């Protein structure tokens, strides 16, 4: 697989990453975590995927434990990315950016992941009660201590942000990134980016490009919609976030079919390519610092996603996909 470079530390990763969240969070229950997900992790590594993206809150904790089972045997083949800064309670999720907590969270993640170093340690969300420089400073200390190789930032996306008319979705994020950049270099920013969620193309992507910061494209397949495997009649389990998502009502799924149809047209020109692979290839074409991180818990999809790295779109096809109609339906 083609390699890509993240940040000033020049860390190399495969062009397509693997989002591990669906293996035990948001799309499934922790009871379903098992050998199927382990096979997906192994399949991704076999295909040249290196970046495995997890977080302590997924589960919570079960996701890191799962990834750790694979890292125990294949650590040298993997680039480990995990996150801290969010606590899962019985009824809600809260941010915790206190330096003492960040230090404890890192040590706990290292134990669960069965490794002595985290390649990319990301701040999941800034704590409004703690100056972000203090949180980021504590994370920088982990780099100095040799527990972490680089630091990353998870940008708040359209589902959780409100903005004033005429302002960029990521205006607040960019302000915070400028502040923490004065403390310690940002190696990567993770933000939602896909054919049907393009806000990060505005100012966030150029900001990263100008500074050599990697952009990890989260949810690059639109929660699976861009794969073309979901139909307006698709049902979701009650614990699946899509069961309550405004874009996954039958009405909105039907209204957004032209987006998938456009991906299918391009895929048909590339032999056995799939809409999902075209959607991922389009992201790769947005810049050499972009790394899509599609999530899955199934080996077949991990393999298909990884092989998108071989697909080369023409400039005309990149423009054609970029001209597809914007997705309908609110993220709220």
C-alpha atoms as a PDB file:
ATOM      1  CA  UNK A   1       0.000   0.000   0.000  1.00  0.00           C
ATOM      2  CA  UNK A   2       1.108   3.562  -0.717  1.00  0.00           C
ATOM      3  CA  UNK A   3       2.514   5.320   2.329  1.00  0.00           C
ATOM      4  CA  UNK A   4       1.676   8.784   3.635  1.00  0.00           C
ATOM      5  CA  UNK A   5       3.445  11.061   6.097  1.00  0.00           C
ATOM      6  CA  UNK A   6       1.920  12.597   9.219  1.00  0.00           C
ATOM      7  CA  UNK A   7       3.265  15.774  10.741  1.00  0.00           C
ATOM      8  CA  UNK A   8       6.661  17.182  11.567  1.00  0.00           C
ATOM      9  CA  UNK A   9       7.711  13.863  13.092  1.00  0.00           C
ATOM     10  CA  UNK A  10       7.407  12.395   9.555  1.00  0.00           C
ATOM     11  CA  UNK A  11       5.551   9.312  10.746  1.00  0.00           C
ATOM     12  CA  UNK A  12       4.680   6.959   7.894  1.00  0.00           C
ATOM     13  CA  UNK A  13       1.325   5.207   7.654  1.00  0.00           C
ATOM     14  CA  UNK A  14      -0.542   3.272   4.998  1.00  0.00           C
ATOM     15  CA  UNK A  15      -2.745   5.489   2.832  1.00  0.00           C
ATOM     16  CA  UNK A  16      -5.926   3.830   4.165  1.00  0.00           C
ATOM     17  CA  UNK A  17      -6.389   3.404   7.893  1.00  0.00           C
ATOM     18  CA  UNK A  18      -8.815   1.275   9.908  1.00  0.00           C
ATOM     19  CA  UNK A  19     -11.332   2.817  12.284  1.00  0.00           C
ATOM     20  CA  UNK A  20     -11.889   0.353  15.114  1.00  0.00           C
ATOM     21  CA  UNK A  21     -14.858   2.109  16.771  1.00  0.00           C
ATOM     22  CA  UNK A  22     -17.567  -0.051  15.098  1.00  0.00           C
ATOM     23  CA  UNK A  23     -16.060  -3.130  16.716  1.00  0.00           C
ATOM     24  CA  UNK A  24     -17.398  -2.162  20.139  1.00  0.00           C
ATOM     25  CA  UNK A  25     -19.095   1.235  20.063  1.00  0.00           C
ATOM     26  CA  UNK A  26     -21.881   3.164  18.329  1.00  0.00           C
ATOM     27  CA  UNK A  27     -22.780   0.439  15.815  1.00  0.00           C
ATOM     28  CA  UNK A  28     -22.704  -2.582  18.073  1.00  0.00           C
ATOM     29  CA  UNK A  29     -22.774  -3.720  21.688  1.00  0.00           C
ATOM     30  CA  UNK A  30     -19.696  -4.749  23.622  1.00  0.00           C
ATOM     31  CA  UNK A  31     -21.077  -8.273  23.862  1.00  0.00           C
ATOM     32  CA  UNK A  32     -20.597  -8.634  20.105  1.00  0.00           C
ATOM     33  CA  UNK A  33     -16.868  -7.956  20.245  1.00  0.00           C
ATOM     34  CA  UNK A  34     -14.993 -11.102  19.381  1.00  0.00           C
ATOM     35  CA  UNK A  35     -13.221 -13.123  16.770  1.00  0.00           C
ATOM     36  CA  UNK A  36     -14.984 -11.417  13.863  1.00  0.00           C
ATOM     37  CA  UNK A  37     -13.368  -8.103  14.779  1.00  0.00           C
ATOM     38  CA  UNK A  38     -10.005  -9.748  15.386  1.00  0.00           C
ATOM     39  CA  UNK A  39     -10.169 -11.214  11.882  1.00  0.00           C
ATOM     40  CA  UNK A  40     -10.907  -7.742  10.507  1.00  0.00           C
ATOM     41  CA  UNK A  41      -7.828  -6.331  12.221  1.00  0.00           C
ATOM     42  CA  UNK A  42      -5.605  -9.094  10.888  1.00  0.00           C
ATOM     43  CA  UNK A  43      -7.078  -8.755   7.396  1.00  0.00           C
ATOM     44  CA  UNK A  44      -6.382  -5.020   7.352  1.00  0.00           C
ATOM     45  CA  UNK A  45      -2.772  -5.517   8.417  1.00  0.00           C
ATOM     46  CA  UNK A  46      -2.353  -8.241   5.799  1.00  0.00           C
ATOM     47  CA  UNK A  47      -3.459  -5.742   3.126  1.00  0.00           C
ATOM     48  CA  UNK A  48      -0.920  -3.122   4.191  1.00  0.00           C
ATOM     49  CA  UNK A  49      -3.131  -1.003   6.423  1.00  0.00           C
ATOM     50  CA  UNK A  50      -1.016   0.195   9.330  1.00  0.00           C
ATOM     51  CA  UNK A  51      -3.000   2.931  11.109  1.00  0.00           C
ATOM     52  CA  UNK A  52      -5.372   1.406  13.656  1.00  0.00           C
ATOM     53  CA  UNK A  53      -7.541   4.110  15.199  1.00  0.00           C
ATOM     54  CA  UNK A  54      -9.183   3.491  18.565  1.00  0.00           C
ATOM     55  CA  UNK A  55     -10.020   5.378  21.779  1.00  0.00           C
ATOM     56  CA  UNK A  56     -10.315   4.633  25.475  1.00  0.00           C
ATOM     57  CA  UNK A  57     -13.993   5.672  25.497  1.00  0.00           C
ATOM     58  CA  UNK A  58     -15.037   3.095  22.873  1.00  0.00           C
ATOM     59  CA  UNK A  59     -16.683   0.453  25.004  1.00  0.00           C
ATOM     60  CA  UNK A  60     -15.460   2.072  27.166  1.00  0.00           C
ATOM     61  CA  UNK A  61     -12.059   0.360  27.173  1.00  0.00           C
ATOM     62  CA  UNK A  62     -13.118  -2.808  25.302  1.00  0.00           C
ATOM     63  CA  UNK A  63     -11.948  -1.424  21.966  1.00  0.00           C
ATOM     64  CA  UNK A  64      -8.390  -0.876  23.155  1.00  0.00           C
ATOM     65  CA  UNK A  65      -8.371  -4.326  24.738  1.00  0.00           C
ATOM     66  CA  UNK A  66      -9.453  -5.823  21.430  1.00  0.00           C
ATOM     67  CA  UNK A  67      -6.767  -3.990  19.466  1.00  0.00           C
ATOM     68  CA  UNK A  68      -4.237  -5.019  22.091  1.00  0.00           C
ATOM     69  CA  UNK A  69      -4.931  -8.689  21.381  1.00  0.00           C
ATOM     70  CA  UNK A  70      -3.692  -8.162  17.828  1.00  0.00           C
ATOM     71  CA  UNK A  71      -0.844  -5.817  18.720  1.00  0.00           C
ATOM     72  CA  UNK A  72       0.565  -8.436  21.046  1.00  0.00           C
ATOM     73  CA  UNK A  73       1.516 -10.447  17.943  1.00  0.00           C
ATOM     74  CA  UNK A  74       1.849  -7.778  15.250  1.00  0.00           C
ATOM     75  CA  UNK A  75       2.986  -4.558  16.908  1.00  0.00           C
ATOM     76  CA  UNK A  76       5.784  -3.944  14.396  1.00  0.00           C
ATOM     77  CA  UNK A  77       3.264  -3.837  11.528  1.00  0.00           C
ATOM     78  CA  UNK A  78       0.890  -1.352  13.119  1.00  0.00           C
ATOM     79  CA  UNK A  79       0.694   2.391  13.692  1.00  0.00           C
ATOM     80  CA  UNK A  80      -1.319   2.789  16.896  1.00  0.00           C
ATOM     81  CA  UNK A  81      -3.619   5.781  17.273  1.00  0.00           C
ATOM     82  CA  UNK A  82      -5.770   6.224  20.348  1.00  0.00           C
ATOM     83  CA  UNK A  83      -7.548   9.072  22.110  1.00  0.00           C
ATOM     84  CA  UNK A  84      -8.204  10.443  25.577  1.00  0.00           C
ATOM     85  CA  UNK A  85     -10.200  13.280  27.068  1.00  0.00           C
ATOM     86  CA  UNK A  86     -13.757  11.922  27.211  1.00  0.00           C
ATOM     87  CA  UNK A  87     -15.366  10.003  30.043  1.00  0.00           C
ATOM     88  CA  UNK A  88     -18.429   7.818  29.531  1.00  0.00           C
ATOM     89  CA  UNK A  89     -21.013   7.990  32.308  1.00  0.00           C
ATOM     90  CA  UNK A  90     -24.337   6.221  32.764  1.00  0.00           C
ATOM     91  CA  UNK A  91     -26.304   8.905  30.946  1.00  0.00           C
ATOM     92  CA  UNK A  92     -23.797  11.227  29.310  1.00  0.00           C
ATOM     93  CA  UNK A  93     -20.264  11.835  28.057  1.00  0.00           C
ATOM     94  CA  UNK A  94     -18.100  14.534  29.625  1.00  0.00           C
ATOM     95  CA  UNK A  95     -14.706  15.989  28.754  1.00  0.00           C
ATOM     96  CA  UNK A  96     -11.757  15.728  31.130  1.00  0.00           C
ATOM     97  CA  UNK A  97      -8.618  17.565  30.136  1.00  0.00           C
ATOM     98  CA  UNK A  98      -6.917  17.805  33.519  1.00  0.00           C
ATOM     99  CA  UNK A  99      -3.216  16.992  33.163  1.00  0.00           C
ATOM    100  CA  UNK A 100      -3.316  14.433  35.968  1.00  0.00           C
ATOM    101  CA  UNK A 101      -6.121  12.584  34.231  1.00  0.00           C
ATOM    102  CA  UNK A 102      -4.394  12.660  30.833  1.00  0.00           C
ATOM    103  CA  UNK A 103      -1.285  11.082  32.354  1.00  0.00           C
ATOM    104  CA  UNK A 104      -3.308   8.303  34.000  1.00  0.00           C
ATOM    105  CA  UNK A 105      -5.330   7.718  30.843  1.00  0.00           C
ATOM    106  CA  UNK A 106      -2.187   7.278  28.771  1.00  0.00           C
ATOM    107  CA  UNK A 107      -0.733   4.702  31.140  1.00  0.00           C
ATOM    108  CA  UNK A 108      -4.019   2.803  31.142  1.00  0.00           C
ATOM    109  CA  UNK A 109      -4.186   2.827  27.341  1.00  0.00           C
ATOM    110  CA  UNK A 110      -0.630   1.515  27.083  1.00  0.00           C
ATOM    111  CA  UNK A 111      -1.580  -1.418  29.310  1.00  0.00           C
ATOM    112  CA  UNK A 112      -4.739  -2.243  27.390  1.00  0.00           C
ATOM    113  CA  UNK A 113      -3.000  -1.946  24.020  1.00  0.00           C
ATOM    114  CA  UNK A 114      -0.119  -4.119  25.232  1.00  0.00           C
ATOM    115  CA  UNK A 115       2.498  -1.728  23.910  1.00  0.00           C
ATOM    116  CA  UNK A 116       5.153   0.556  25.366  1.00  0.00           C
ATOM    117  CA  UNK A 117       4.479   3.474  23.020  1.00  0.00           C
ATOM    118  CA  UNK A 118       1.450   5.056  21.319  1.00  0.00           C
ATOM    119  CA  UNK A 119       2.264   6.344  17.849  1.00  0.00           C
ATOM    120  CA  UNK A 120      -0.418   9.039  17.776  1.00  0.00           C
ATOM    121  CA  UNK A 121      -2.159  10.224  20.944  1.00  0.00           C
ATOM    122  CA  UNK A 122      -5.211  12.348  20.189  1.00  0.00           C
ATOM    123  CA  UNK A 123      -7.210  14.738  22.316  1.00  0.00           C
ATOM    124  CA  UNK A 124     -10.759  13.512  21.808  1.00  0.00           C
ATOM    125  CA  UNK A 125     -12.363  16.772  22.948  1.00  0.00           C
ATOM    126  CA  UNK A 126     -10.991  19.834  24.752  1.00  0.00           C
ATOM    127  CA  UNK A 127     -12.275  20.367  28.291  1.00  0.00           C
ATOM    128  CA  UNK A 128     -14.032  23.753  28.566  1.00  0.00           C
ATOM    129  CA  UNK A 129     -12.993  23.903  32.227  1.00  0.00           C
ATOM    130  CA  UNK A 130      -9.250  23.498  31.522  1.00  0.00           C
ATOM    131  CA  UNK A 131      -7.081  25.804  29.386  1.00  0.00           C
ATOM    132  CA  UNK A 132      -6.261  23.769  26.320  1.00  0.00           C
ATOM    133  CA  UNK A 133      -2.586  24.689  26.662  1.00  0.00           C
ATOM    134  CA  UNK A 134      -2.481  22.828  29.987  1.00  0.00           C
ATOM    135  CA  UNK A 135      -4.000  19.696  28.513  1.00  0.00           C
ATOM    136  CA  UNK A 136      -1.760  19.821  25.465  1.00  0.00           C
ATOM    137  CA  UNK A 137       1.288  20.478  27.646  1.00  0.00           C
ATOM    138  CA  UNK A 138       0.586  17.317  29.621  1.00  0.00           C
ATOM    139  CA  UNK A 139       0.288  15.386  26.371  1.00  0.00           C
ATOM    140  CA  UNK A 140       3.596  16.868  25.185  1.00  0.00           C
ATOM    141  CA  UNK A 141       5.222  15.596  28.379  1.00  0.00           C
ATOM    142  CA  UNK A 142       4.176  12.094  27.333  1.00  0.00           C
ATOM    143  CA  UNK A 143       6.183  12.528  24.143  1.00  0.00           C
ATOM    144  CA  UNK A 144       9.221  13.627  26.144  1.00  0.00           C
ATOM    145  CA  UNK A 145       8.760  10.586  28.390  1.00  0.00           C
ATOM    146  CA  UNK A 146       8.801   8.263  25.366  1.00  0.00           C
ATOM    147  CA  UNK A 147       5.254   7.020  25.913  1.00  0.00           C
ATOM    148  CA  UNK A 148       3.875   8.784  22.827  1.00  0.00           C
ATOM    149  CA  UNK A 149       5.453   9.588  19.451  1.00  0.00           C
ATOM    150  CA  UNK A 150       3.145  12.352  18.145  1.00  0.00           C
ATOM    151  CA  UNK A 151       0.024  14.279  19.158  1.00  0.00           C
ATOM    152  CA  UNK A 152      -3.269  14.625  17.335  1.00  0.00           C
ATOM    153  CA  UNK A 153      -6.451  16.669  17.620  1.00  0.00           C
ATOM    154  CA  UNK A 154     -10.028  15.521  17.015  1.00  0.00           C
ATOM    155  CA  UNK A 155     -11.980  18.355  15.431  1.00  0.00           C
ATOM    156  CA  UNK A 156     -15.581  18.879  16.479  1.00  0.00           C
ATOM    157  CA  UNK A 157     -17.771  18.308  13.435  1.00  0.00           C
ATOM    158  CA  UNK A 158     -21.114  19.374  12.018  1.00  0.00           C
ATOM    159  CA  UNK A 159     -23.120  17.096  14.289  1.00  0.00           C
ATOM    160  CA  UNK A 160     -22.048  18.792  17.501  1.00  0.00           C
ATOM    161  CA  UNK A 161     -21.261  22.364  16.454  1.00  0.00           C
ATOM    162  CA  UNK A 162     -23.338  25.450  15.859  1.00  0.00           C
ATOM    163  CA  UNK A 163     -21.862  28.360  13.966  1.00  0.00           C
ATOM    164  CA  UNK A 164     -22.856  31.895  13.147  1.00  0.00           C
ATOM    165  CA  UNK A 165     -23.947  32.591   9.569  1.00  0.00           C
ATOM    166  CA  UNK A 166     -20.975  33.309   7.356  1.00  0.00           C
ATOM    167  CA  UNK A 167     -18.432  31.626   9.631  1.00  0.00           C
ATOM    168  CA  UNK A 168     -16.480  28.457   8.942  1.00  0.00           C
ATOM    169  CA  UNK A 169     -17.634  25.292  10.667  1.00  0.00           C
ATOM    170  CA  UNK A 170     -14.144  24.803  12.064  1.00  0.00           C
ATOM    171  CA  UNK A 171     -13.457  28.396  13.106  1.00  0.00           C
ATOM    172  CA  UNK A 172     -13.282  27.495  16.790  1.00  0.00           C
ATOM    173  CA  UNK A 173     -11.196  24.428  16.051  1.00  0.00           C
ATOM    174  CA  UNK A 174      -8.681  26.463  14.071  1.00  0.00           C
ATOM    175  CA  UNK A 175      -8.350  28.946  16.915  1.00  0.00           C
ATOM    176  CA  UNK A 176      -7.594  26.153  19.360  1.00  0.00           C
ATOM    177  CA  UNK A 177      -5.177  24.505  16.933  1.00  0.00           C
ATOM    178  CA  UNK A 178      -3.223  27.741  16.650  1.00  0.00           C
ATOM    179  CA  UNK A 179      -2.996  27.900  20.439  1.00  0.00           C
ATOM    180  CA  UNK A 180      -1.776  24.343  20.976  1.00  0.00           C
ATOM    181  CA  UNK A 181       0.614  24.599  18.037  1.00  0.00           C
ATOM    182  CA  UNK A 182       2.537  27.136  20.127  1.00  0.00           C
ATOM    183  CA  UNK A 183       2.986  24.494  22.848  1.00  0.00           C
ATOM    184  CA  UNK A 184       3.851  21.406  20.800  1.00  0.00           C
ATOM    185  CA  UNK A 185       3.469  20.518  17.108  1.00  0.00           C
ATOM    186  CA  UNK A 186       0.177  19.017  15.971  1.00  0.00           C
ATOM    187  CA  UNK A 187       0.928  15.816  14.076  1.00  0.00           C
ATOM    188  CA  UNK A 188      -2.561  15.110  12.749  1.00  0.00           C
ATOM    189  CA  UNK A 189      -6.113  16.412  12.892  1.00  0.00           C
ATOM    190  CA  UNK A 190      -9.023  13.997  12.715  1.00  0.00           C
ATOM    191  CA  UNK A 191     -12.220  15.389  11.232  1.00  0.00           C
ATOM    192  CA  UNK A 192     -15.233  14.081   9.402  1.00  0.00           C
ATOM    193  CA  UNK A 193     -14.651  14.285   5.664  1.00  0.00           C
ATOM    194  CA  UNK A 194     -16.403  12.423   2.873  1.00  0.00           C
ATOM    195  CA  UNK A 195     -18.209  12.943  -0.405  1.00  0.00           C
ATOM    196  CA  UNK A 196     -21.371  13.823   1.544  1.00  0.00           C
ATOM    197  CA  UNK A 197     -19.725  15.784   4.366  1.00  0.00           C
ATOM    198  CA  UNK A 198     -17.209  18.215   2.870  1.00  0.00           C
ATOM    199  CA  UNK A 199     -16.987  21.051   5.398  1.00  0.00           C
ATOM    200  CA  UNK A 200     -13.367  20.244   6.253  1.00  0.00           C
ATOM    201  CA  UNK A 201     -12.353  21.127   2.690  1.00  0.00           C
ATOM    202  CA  UNK A 202     -13.036  24.793   3.436  1.00  0.00           C
ATOM    203  CA  UNK A 203     -10.292  25.997   5.789  1.00  0.00           C
ATOM    204  CA  UNK A 204      -9.282  23.001   7.882  1.00  0.00           C
ATOM    205  CA  UNK A 205      -7.725  20.962   5.073  1.00  0.00           C
ATOM    206  CA  UNK A 206      -5.665  23.913   3.745  1.00  0.00           C
ATOM    207  CA  UNK A 207      -4.521  24.726   7.298  1.00  0.00           C
ATOM    208  CA  UNK A 208      -3.197  21.201   7.660  1.00  0.00           C
ATOM    209  CA  UNK A 209      -1.588  21.207   4.208  1.00  0.00           C
ATOM    210  CA  UNK A 210       0.273  24.455   4.844  1.00  0.00           C
ATOM    211  CA  UNK A 211       1.827  23.042   8.024  1.00  0.00           C
ATOM    212  CA  UNK A 212       2.490  19.486   6.966  1.00  0.00           C
ATOM    213  CA  UNK A 213      -0.158  18.237   9.410  1.00  0.00           C
ATOM    214  CA  UNK A 214      -1.911  14.993   8.505  1.00  0.00           C
ATOM    215  CA  UNK A 215      -5.678  14.984   8.147  1.00  0.00           C
ATOM    216  CA  UNK A 216      -7.358  11.771   9.215  1.00  0.00           C
ATOM    217  CA  UNK A 217     -10.677  11.632   7.364  1.00  0.00           C
ATOM    218  CA  UNK A 218     -13.185  10.203   9.843  1.00  0.00           C
ATOM    219  CA  UNK A 219     -16.399   8.556   8.650  1.00  0.00           C
ATOM    220  CA  UNK A 220     -15.155   8.662   5.030  1.00  0.00           C
ATOM    221  CA  UNK A 221     -18.004   6.413   3.882  1.00  0.00           C
ATOM    222  CA  UNK A 222     -20.773   8.415   5.524  1.00  0.00           C
ATOM    223  CA  UNK A 223     -21.591   5.825   8.193  1.00  0.00           C
ATOM    224  CA  UNK A 224     -21.698   3.185   5.438  1.00  0.00           C
ATOM    225  CA  UNK A 225     -24.136   5.021   3.172  1.00  0.00           C
ATOM    226  CA  UNK A 226     -21.541   5.710   0.467  1.00  0.00           C
ATOM    227  CA  UNK A 227     -20.769   1.991   0.201  1.00  0.00           C
ATOM    228  CA  UNK A 228     -24.035   1.538  -1.681  1.00  0.00           C
ATOM    229  CA  UNK A 229     -24.951  -1.439   0.488  1.00  0.00           C
ATOM    230  CA  UNK A 230     -27.700   0.385   2.409  1.00  0.00           C
ATOM    231  CA  UNK A 231     -31.142   1.016   0.986  1.00  0.00           C
ATOM    232  CA  UNK A 232     -34.043   3.202   2.163  1.00  0.00           C
ATOM    233  CA  UNK A 233     -35.583   0.090   3.674  1.00  0.00           C
ATOM    234  CA  UNK A 234     -32.496  -0.841   5.687  1.00  0.00           C
ATOM    235  CA  UNK A 235     -33.271  -1.419   9.331  1.00  0.00           C
ATOM    236  CA  UNK A 236     -30.844  -0.720  12.160  1.00  0.00           C
ATOM    237  CA  UNK A 237     -30.518  -2.285  15.567  1.00  0.00           C
ATOM    238  CA  UNK A 238     -31.655  -0.036  18.444  1.00  0.00           C
ATOM    239  CA  UNK A 239     -28.067   0.450  19.663  1.00  0.00           C
ATOM    240  CA  UNK A 240     -26.877   1.536  16.187  1.00  0.00           C
ATOM    241  CA  UNK A 241     -26.411   5.329  16.028  1.00  0.00           C
ATOM    242  CA  UNK A 242     -27.939   5.356  12.551  1.00  0.00           C
ATOM    243  CA  UNK A 243     -31.309   4.301  13.970  1.00  0.00           C
ATOM    244  CA  UNK A 244     -31.626   7.865  15.349  1.00  0.00           C
ATOM    245  CA  UNK A 245     -29.683   9.724  12.649  1.00  0.00           C
ATOM    246  CA  UNK A 246     -31.680  12.247  10.548  1.00  0.00           C
ATOM    247  CA  UNK A 247     -29.856  11.265   7.347  1.00  0.00           C
ATOM    248  CA  UNK A 248     -30.841   7.628   7.802  1.00  0.00           C
ATOM    249  CA  UNK A 249     -34.583   7.992   7.748  1.00  0.00           C
ATOM    250  CA  UNK A 250     -36.094   6.179   4.766  1.00  0.00           C
ATOM    251  CA  UNK A 251     -36.999   9.536   3.220  1.00  0.00           C
ATOM    252  CA  UNK A 252     -33.499  10.997   3.452  1.00  0.00           C
ATOM    253  CA  UNK A 253     -31.801   7.779   2.319  1.00  0.00           C
ATOM    254  CA  UNK A 254     -33.987   7.809  -0.797  1.00  0.00           C
ATOM    255  CA  UNK A 255     -33.265  11.502  -1.389  1.00  0.00           C
ATOM    256  CA  UNK A 256     -29.497  10.921  -1.223  1.00  0.00           C
ATOM    257  CA  UNK A 257     -29.368   8.011  -3.657  1.00  0.00           C
ATOM    258  CA  UNK A 258     -28.033  10.308  -6.462  1.00  0.00           C
ATOM    259  CA  UNK A 259     -24.786  10.600  -4.502  1.00  0.00           C
ATOM    260  CA  UNK A 260     -24.308   6.824  -4.504  1.00  0.00           C
ATOM    261  CA  UNK A 261     -25.399   6.630  -8.138  1.00  0.00           C
ATOM    262  CA  UNK A 262     -22.608   9.039  -9.038  1.00  0.00           C
ATOM    263  CA  UNK A 263     -20.047   6.895  -7.254  1.00  0.00           C
ATOM    264  CA  UNK A 264     -21.374   3.817  -9.056  1.00  0.00           C
ATOM    265  CA  UNK A 265     -20.911   5.506 -12.449  1.00  0.00           C
ATOM    266  CA  UNK A 266     -17.260   6.171 -11.730  1.00  0.00           C
ATOM    267  CA  UNK A 267     -16.729   2.697 -10.251  1.00  0.00           C
ATOM    268  CA  UNK A 268     -18.090   1.089 -13.439  1.00  0.00           C
ATOM    269  CA  UNK A 269     -15.165   2.553 -15.371  1.00  0.00           C
ATOM    270  CA  UNK A 270     -12.670   0.809 -13.100  1.00  0.00           C
ATOM    271  CA  UNK A 271     -13.553  -2.849 -13.521  1.00  0.00           C
ATOM    272  CA  UNK A 272     -14.591  -4.396 -10.246  1.00  0.00           C
ATOM    273  CA  UNK A 273     -14.204  -1.207  -8.175  1.00  0.00           C
ATOM    274  CA  UNK A 274     -16.974  -0.459  -5.678  1.00  0.00           C
ATOM    275  CA  UNK A 275     -18.653   2.822  -4.719  1.00  0.00           C
ATOM    276  CA  UNK A 276     -16.880   2.668  -1.363  1.00  0.00           C
ATOM    277  CA  UNK A 277     -13.482   2.387  -3.030  1.00  0.00           C
ATOM    278  CA  UNK A 278     -14.261   5.329  -5.298  1.00  0.00           C
ATOM    279  CA  UNK A 279     -15.324   7.419  -2.293  1.00  0.00           C
ATOM    280  CA  UNK A 280     -12.037   6.600  -0.527  1.00  0.00           C
ATOM    281  CA  UNK A 281      -9.948   7.218  -3.664  1.00  0.00           C
ATOM    282  CA  UNK A 282     -11.596  10.646  -3.983  1.00  0.00           C
ATOM    283  CA  UNK A 283     -10.398  11.488  -0.478  1.00  0.00           C
ATOM    284  CA  UNK A 284      -6.862  10.353  -1.273  1.00  0.00           C
ATOM    285  CA  UNK A 285      -6.916  12.726  -4.233  1.00  0.00           C
ATOM    286  CA  UNK A 286      -7.570  15.701  -1.922  1.00  0.00           C
ATOM    287  CA  UNK A 287      -3.917  15.801  -0.882  1.00  0.00           C
ATOM    288  CA  UNK A 288      -0.921  13.644   0.069  1.00  0.00           C
ATOM    289  CA  UNK A 289      -1.528  14.386   3.749  1.00  0.00           C
ATOM    290  CA  UNK A 290      -5.085  12.949   3.758  1.00  0.00           C
ATOM    291  CA  UNK A 291      -5.572   9.481   5.257  1.00  0.00           C
ATOM    292  CA  UNK A 292      -9.123   8.072   5.191  1.00  0.00           C
ATOM    293  CA  UNK A 293      -9.979   5.994   8.252  1.00  0.00           C
ATOM    294  CA  UNK A 294     -13.016   3.876   7.341  1.00  0.00           C
ATOM    295  CA  UNK A 295     -14.434   1.870  10.212  1.00  0.00           C
ATOM    296  CA  UNK A 296     -15.633  -1.706  10.109  1.00  0.00           C
ATOM    297  CA  UNK A 297     -15.796  -4.867  12.164  1.00  0.00           C
ATOM    298  CA  UNK A 298     -15.850  -7.265   9.189  1.00  0.00           C
ATOM    299  CA  UNK A 299     -12.795  -8.639   7.413  1.00  0.00           C
ATOM    300  CA  UNK A 300     -14.361  -8.428   3.925  1.00  0.00           C
ATOM    301  CA  UNK A 301     -14.938  -4.693   4.243  1.00  0.00           C
ATOM    302  CA  UNK A 302     -11.500  -4.127   5.768  1.00  0.00           C
ATOM    303  CA  UNK A 303      -9.957  -5.779   2.704  1.00  0.00           C
ATOM    304  CA  UNK A 304     -12.150  -3.871   0.249  1.00  0.00           C
ATOM    305  CA  UNK A 305     -11.382  -0.562   1.927  1.00  0.00           C
ATOM    306  CA  UNK A 306      -7.645  -1.207   2.014  1.00  0.00           C
ATOM    307  CA  UNK A 307      -7.600  -2.006  -1.694  1.00  0.00           C
ATOM    308  CA  UNK A 308      -9.059   1.413  -2.459  1.00  0.00           C
ATOM    309  CA  UNK A 309      -5.482   2.596  -2.101  1.00  0.00           C
ATOM    310  CA  UNK A 310      -4.745   1.008  -5.473  1.00  0.00           C
ATOM    311  CA  UNK A 311      -7.481   2.905  -7.301  1.00  0.00           C
ATOM    312  CA  UNK A 312      -6.362   5.922  -9.301  1.00  0.00           C
ATOM    313  CA  UNK A 313      -9.011   8.397 -10.379  1.00  0.00           C
ATOM    314  CA  UNK A 314      -8.468  10.796 -13.237  1.00  0.00           C
ATOM    315  CA  UNK A 315      -8.591  14.527 -12.591  1.00  0.00           C
ATOM    316  CA  UNK A 316     -11.891  14.592 -14.476  1.00  0.00           C
ATOM    317  CA  UNK A 317     -13.336  11.894 -12.212  1.00  0.00           C
ATOM    318  CA  UNK A 318     -12.208  13.725  -9.086  1.00  0.00           C
ATOM    319  CA  UNK A 319     -13.999  16.813 -10.380  1.00  0.00           C
ATOM    320  CA  UNK A 320     -17.058  14.772 -11.348  1.00  0.00           C
ATOM    321  CA  UNK A 321     -17.367  13.363  -7.837  1.00  0.00           C
ATOM    322  CA  UNK A 322     -16.812  16.793  -6.336  1.00  0.00           C
ATOM    323  CA  UNK A 323     -19.725  18.085  -8.403  1.00  0.00           C
ATOM    324  CA  UNK A 324     -22.185  15.511  -7.045  1.00  0.00           C
ATOM    325  CA  UNK A 325     -25.160  17.097  -5.280  1.00  0.00           C
ATOM    326  CA  UNK A 326     -24.695  17.897  -1.599  1.00  0.00           C
ATOM    327  CA  UNK A 327     -26.267  15.458   0.785  1.00  0.00           C
ATOM    328  CA  UNK A 328     -29.714  16.253   2.109  1.00  0.00           C
ATOM    329  CA  UNK A 329     -30.709  15.911   5.732  1.00  0.00           C
ATOM    330  CA  UNK A 330     -29.453  17.457   8.947  1.00  0.00           C
ATOM    331  CA  UNK A 331     -26.669  16.030  11.110  1.00  0.00           C
ATOM    332  CA  UNK A 332     -28.437  17.347  14.215  1.00  0.00           C
END
